[in-house]
Amino acid sequence: MTPSNDRPGRLARRGAGVSACLLALVAGIALWEGDRNEAGRAAGPDVAVTVAPPTSPSTTAVADPSTCRNSYNASCGPFRWQPAPPAVPIEVRVRLEPASPRVGQAVTFNVEVRRERGAARPVLVESGDGGVPEPDSQLGCPQPGERARYGPWDLPADRPFEYSVRYTWVYRAPGTYTARFSFGDWACGMYAPAYPGGGEASVLVSVPG
């Protein structure tokens, strides 16, 4: 039998078909890779997530509020007065001796201070001519050796405060002067309550020429 001359042509056509299939496959893979890269860029960069370890519950001791009234237990928190100290006025009186001093003569101001509760201290003393009269005594504040207090405390029982002091001054020129004596609140002692309030008294001093 005489071999057909068409065999090489068929082989060539078959090879061309295979090559076309391979090219299509490669193009498809490239297209798929491009789509995947675009999706990755759209999603943004990778984000690292850090998970914190669980925290342990606080073990700080807290006292029962019902047991913290007038307490010495540090777990009751900072010391405070409850209720807060109310405002208490201060009564101040002053009497001048002699009533009509001469130039160069010593003048005495007898000052009396009274308050229903809470201590008081001088906050302003002036002679009227720019001077400051001198007291014959100073208020002393004892510091009791108490245990540290914590939490809310009741206010102490009412105790009137009374204080008398003499101030002296010498006027060097004739004239009319107004001497003033002002007193304000004083929390005397480690745990003395501070009662808001104040008081003042003044006296007119006439020094003849």
Protein backbone atom coordinates (compact mmCIF):
# COMPACT_ATOMS: atom_id res chain seq x y z
CA MET A 1 0.00 0.00 0.00
CA THR A 2 1.27 3.42 -0.81
CA PRO A 3 1.57 5.61 2.30
CA SER A 4 -0.57 8.75 2.27
CA ASN A 5 1.18 12.09 1.89
CA ASP A 6 -1.52 13.71 4.14
CA ARG A 7 -0.05 12.37 7.47
CA PRO A 8 2.52 15.12 7.97
CA GLY A 9 -0.16 17.74 7.46
CA ARG A 10 -2.41 16.17 10.02
CA LEU A 11 0.45 16.01 12.51
CA ALA A 12 1.25 19.65 11.91
CA ARG A 13 -2.33 20.67 12.43
CA ARG A 14 -2.56 18.56 15.63
CA GLY A 15 0.62 20.19 17.01
CA ALA A 16 -0.72 23.62 16.30
CA GLY A 17 -3.91 22.81 18.18
CA VAL A 18 -1.99 21.60 21.22
CA SER A 19 0.12 24.75 21.19
CA ALA A 20 -3.00 26.89 21.08
CA CYS A 21 -4.47 25.05 24.07
CA LEU A 22 -1.28 25.51 26.05
CA LEU A 23 -1.22 29.22 25.25
CA ALA A 24 -4.84 29.60 26.36
CA LEU A 25 -4.10 27.77 29.63
CA VAL A 26 -1.10 29.99 30.37
CA ALA A 27 -3.14 33.11 29.64
CA GLY A 28 -5.91 31.91 31.96
CA ILE A 29 -3.46 31.29 34.82
CA ALA A 30 -1.93 34.75 34.35
CA LEU A 31 -5.38 36.36 34.39
CA TRP A 32 -6.29 34.46 37.59
CA GLU A 33 -3.06 35.56 39.30
CA GLY A 34 -3.71 39.17 38.34
CA ASP A 35 -7.24 39.08 39.79
CA ARG A 36 -5.95 37.58 43.01
CA ASN A 37 -3.27 40.27 43.40
CA GLU A 38 -5.82 43.04 42.77
CA ALA A 39 -8.08 41.59 45.45
CA GLY A 40 -5.16 41.47 47.90
CA ARG A 41 -4.27 45.11 47.25
CA ALA A 42 -7.91 46.17 47.74
CA ALA A 43 -8.06 44.37 51.06
CA GLY A 44 -5.14 46.44 52.35
CA PRO A 45 -2.02 45.38 54.25
CA ASP A 46 -2.06 42.66 56.86
CA VAL A 47 -2.92 43.91 60.38
CA ALA A 48 -1.33 42.29 63.41
CA VAL A 49 -3.74 41.78 66.29
CA THR A 50 -2.38 41.61 69.83
CA VAL A 51 -4.49 39.98 72.49
CA ALA A 52 -3.79 41.23 76.01
CA PRO A 53 -3.56 38.61 78.72
CA PRO A 54 -6.44 38.57 81.21
CA THR A 55 -5.97 40.80 84.24
CA SER A 56 -6.26 39.54 87.76
CA PRO A 57 -9.03 41.04 89.94
CA SER A 58 -8.01 43.65 92.51
CA THR A 59 -7.30 42.32 95.95
CA THR A 60 -7.42 45.70 97.78
CA ALA A 61 -9.46 45.34 100.95
CA VAL A 62 -12.46 47.65 101.24
CA ALA A 63 -14.17 48.06 104.58
CA ASP A 64 -17.89 47.68 105.02
CA PRO A 65 -19.33 51.25 104.93
CA SER A 66 -21.62 50.41 107.82
CA THR A 67 -18.58 49.92 110.07
CA CYS A 68 -16.64 53.02 108.95
CA ARG A 69 -18.39 55.62 111.12
CA ASN A 70 -15.88 57.13 113.58
CA SER A 71 -13.34 54.51 112.55
CA TYR A 72 -9.60 54.00 112.92
CA ASN A 73 -9.53 51.49 110.05
CA ALA A 74 -7.36 52.72 107.15
CA SER A 75 -9.49 50.83 104.61
CA CYS A 76 -12.35 53.26 105.33
CA GLY A 77 -10.62 55.92 103.24
CA PRO A 78 -9.65 59.53 104.00
CA PHE A 79 -10.84 61.17 107.21
CA ARG A 80 -13.69 63.69 106.87
CA TRP A 81 -16.37 65.34 109.00
CA GLN A 82 -19.91 64.25 108.22
CA PRO A 83 -21.96 66.35 108.05
CA ALA A 84 -19.63 69.14 106.99
CA PRO A 85 -19.06 71.78 109.69
CA PRO A 86 -21.66 74.59 109.42
CA ALA A 87 -20.90 78.30 109.39
CA VAL A 88 -20.61 79.78 112.89
CA PRO A 89 -20.24 83.56 113.36
CA ILE A 90 -17.60 85.05 115.63
CA GLU A 91 -18.50 87.80 118.07
CA VAL A 92 -15.74 90.39 118.61
CA ARG A 93 -15.83 93.32 121.05
CA VAL A 94 -13.18 95.98 121.65
CA ARG A 95 -12.81 98.63 124.35
CA LEU A 96 -10.28 101.47 124.30
CA GLU A 97 -8.22 102.72 127.29
CA PRO A 98 -7.85 105.65 127.79
CA ALA A 99 -10.80 106.98 125.84
CA SER A 100 -8.86 110.10 124.67
CA PRO A 101 -5.17 109.26 124.51
CA ARG A 102 -2.49 111.92 124.01
CA VAL A 103 0.28 111.83 121.44
CA GLY A 104 2.99 109.42 122.64
CA GLN A 105 0.74 107.81 125.28
CA ALA A 106 0.31 104.02 125.27
CA VAL A 107 -3.17 102.93 124.22
CA THR A 108 -4.71 99.61 125.22
CA PHE A 109 -7.33 97.79 123.17
CA ASN A 110 -9.18 95.19 125.24
CA VAL A 111 -10.50 92.62 122.75
CA GLU A 112 -12.96 89.88 123.66
CA VAL A 113 -13.82 87.06 121.26
CA ARG A 114 -16.63 84.55 121.63
CA ARG A 115 -18.02 81.78 119.47
CA GLU A 116 -20.64 79.10 120.07
CA ARG A 117 -18.40 76.38 118.65
CA GLY A 118 -15.08 76.16 116.91
CA ALA A 119 -11.91 78.11 117.67
CA ALA A 120 -11.02 81.54 116.26
CA ARG A 121 -7.78 83.37 115.54
CA PRO A 122 -6.89 86.95 114.56
CA VAL A 123 -6.63 87.51 110.82
CA LEU A 124 -6.35 91.30 110.73
CA VAL A 125 -5.14 93.75 113.40
CA GLU A 126 -4.42 97.37 112.52
CA SER A 127 -4.15 100.61 114.46
CA GLY A 128 -5.45 102.91 111.73
CA ASP A 129 -2.21 104.81 111.25
CA GLY A 130 -0.40 102.00 109.41
CA GLY A 131 0.76 100.16 112.52
CA VAL A 132 -0.01 96.78 114.05
CA PRO A 133 -0.81 96.77 117.79
CA GLU A 134 1.07 94.19 119.84
CA PRO A 135 -0.86 91.48 121.78
CA ASP A 136 0.01 90.62 125.37
CA SER A 137 -0.41 86.90 124.66
CA GLN A 138 -0.52 84.45 121.77
CA LEU A 139 -3.08 81.79 121.11
CA GLY A 140 -1.62 78.33 121.63
CA CYS A 141 -2.87 75.29 119.77
CA PRO A 142 -2.31 71.92 121.44
CA GLN A 143 -1.61 68.97 119.17
CA PRO A 144 -3.23 65.96 120.81
CA GLY A 145 -1.47 62.62 120.32
CA GLU A 146 -4.47 60.91 118.74
CA ARG A 147 -4.66 57.79 116.64
CA ALA A 148 -5.14 58.38 112.92
CA ARG A 149 -8.81 58.65 111.96
CA TYR A 150 -10.41 57.37 108.76
CA GLY A 151 -13.73 57.65 106.99
CA PRO A 152 -16.65 59.84 108.10
CA TRP A 153 -16.73 61.18 111.65
CA ASP A 154 -19.41 62.87 113.71
CA LEU A 155 -18.80 66.49 114.63
CA PRO A 156 -17.72 66.93 118.25
CA ALA A 157 -20.11 68.23 120.86
CA ASP A 158 -20.64 71.98 120.86
CA ARG A 159 -18.11 73.81 123.01
CA PRO A 160 -18.13 77.62 123.25
CA PHE A 161 -14.86 79.39 122.50
CA GLU A 162 -13.87 82.47 124.51
CA TYR A 163 -10.68 84.48 124.24
CA SER A 164 -9.52 87.78 125.74
CA VAL A 165 -6.41 89.66 124.70
CA ARG A 166 -4.95 93.13 125.14
CA TYR A 167 -3.30 95.01 122.29
CA THR A 168 -1.16 98.09 122.86
CA TRP A 169 -0.14 100.91 120.56
CA VAL A 170 1.31 104.42 120.67
CA TYR A 171 0.08 107.11 118.28
CA ARG A 172 2.85 109.51 117.27
CA ALA A 173 0.72 112.22 115.71
CA PRO A 174 -2.66 113.82 116.45
CA GLY A 175 -5.62 112.70 114.39
CA THR A 176 -8.61 110.41 114.22
CA TYR A 177 -7.88 106.76 113.59
CA THR A 178 -9.96 103.58 113.19
CA ALA A 179 -8.43 100.53 114.85
CA ARG A 180 -9.73 97.18 113.50
CA PHE A 181 -9.62 93.66 114.90
CA SER A 182 -10.82 90.78 112.70
CA PHE A 183 -11.01 87.12 113.64
CA GLY A 184 -11.56 84.05 111.48
CA ASP A 185 -11.95 80.32 111.78
CA TRP A 186 -9.15 78.24 113.25
CA ALA A 187 -8.94 74.45 113.06
CA CYS A 188 -6.85 74.11 116.19
CA GLY A 189 -5.67 70.57 116.75
CA MET A 190 -5.09 67.55 114.55
CA TYR A 191 -8.76 66.78 113.97
CA ALA A 192 -10.50 70.01 114.97
CA PRO A 193 -13.34 70.88 112.57
CA ALA A 194 -13.07 74.05 110.51
CA TYR A 195 -16.26 76.04 110.97
CA PRO A 196 -16.63 78.76 108.30
CA GLY A 197 -17.26 82.19 109.72
CA GLY A 198 -15.66 85.35 110.97
CA GLY A 199 -16.19 88.54 112.94
CA GLU A 200 -14.74 92.02 113.34
CA ALA A 201 -14.85 94.96 115.71
CA SER A 202 -13.45 98.46 115.34
CA VAL A 203 -13.05 101.51 117.51
CA LEU A 204 -12.53 105.17 116.70
CA VAL A 205 -9.46 106.70 118.34
CA SER A 206 -9.23 110.47 118.61
CA VAL A 207 -5.78 111.83 119.50
CA PRO A 208 -5.89 115.60 120.19
CA GLY A 209 -3.15 117.88 118.98
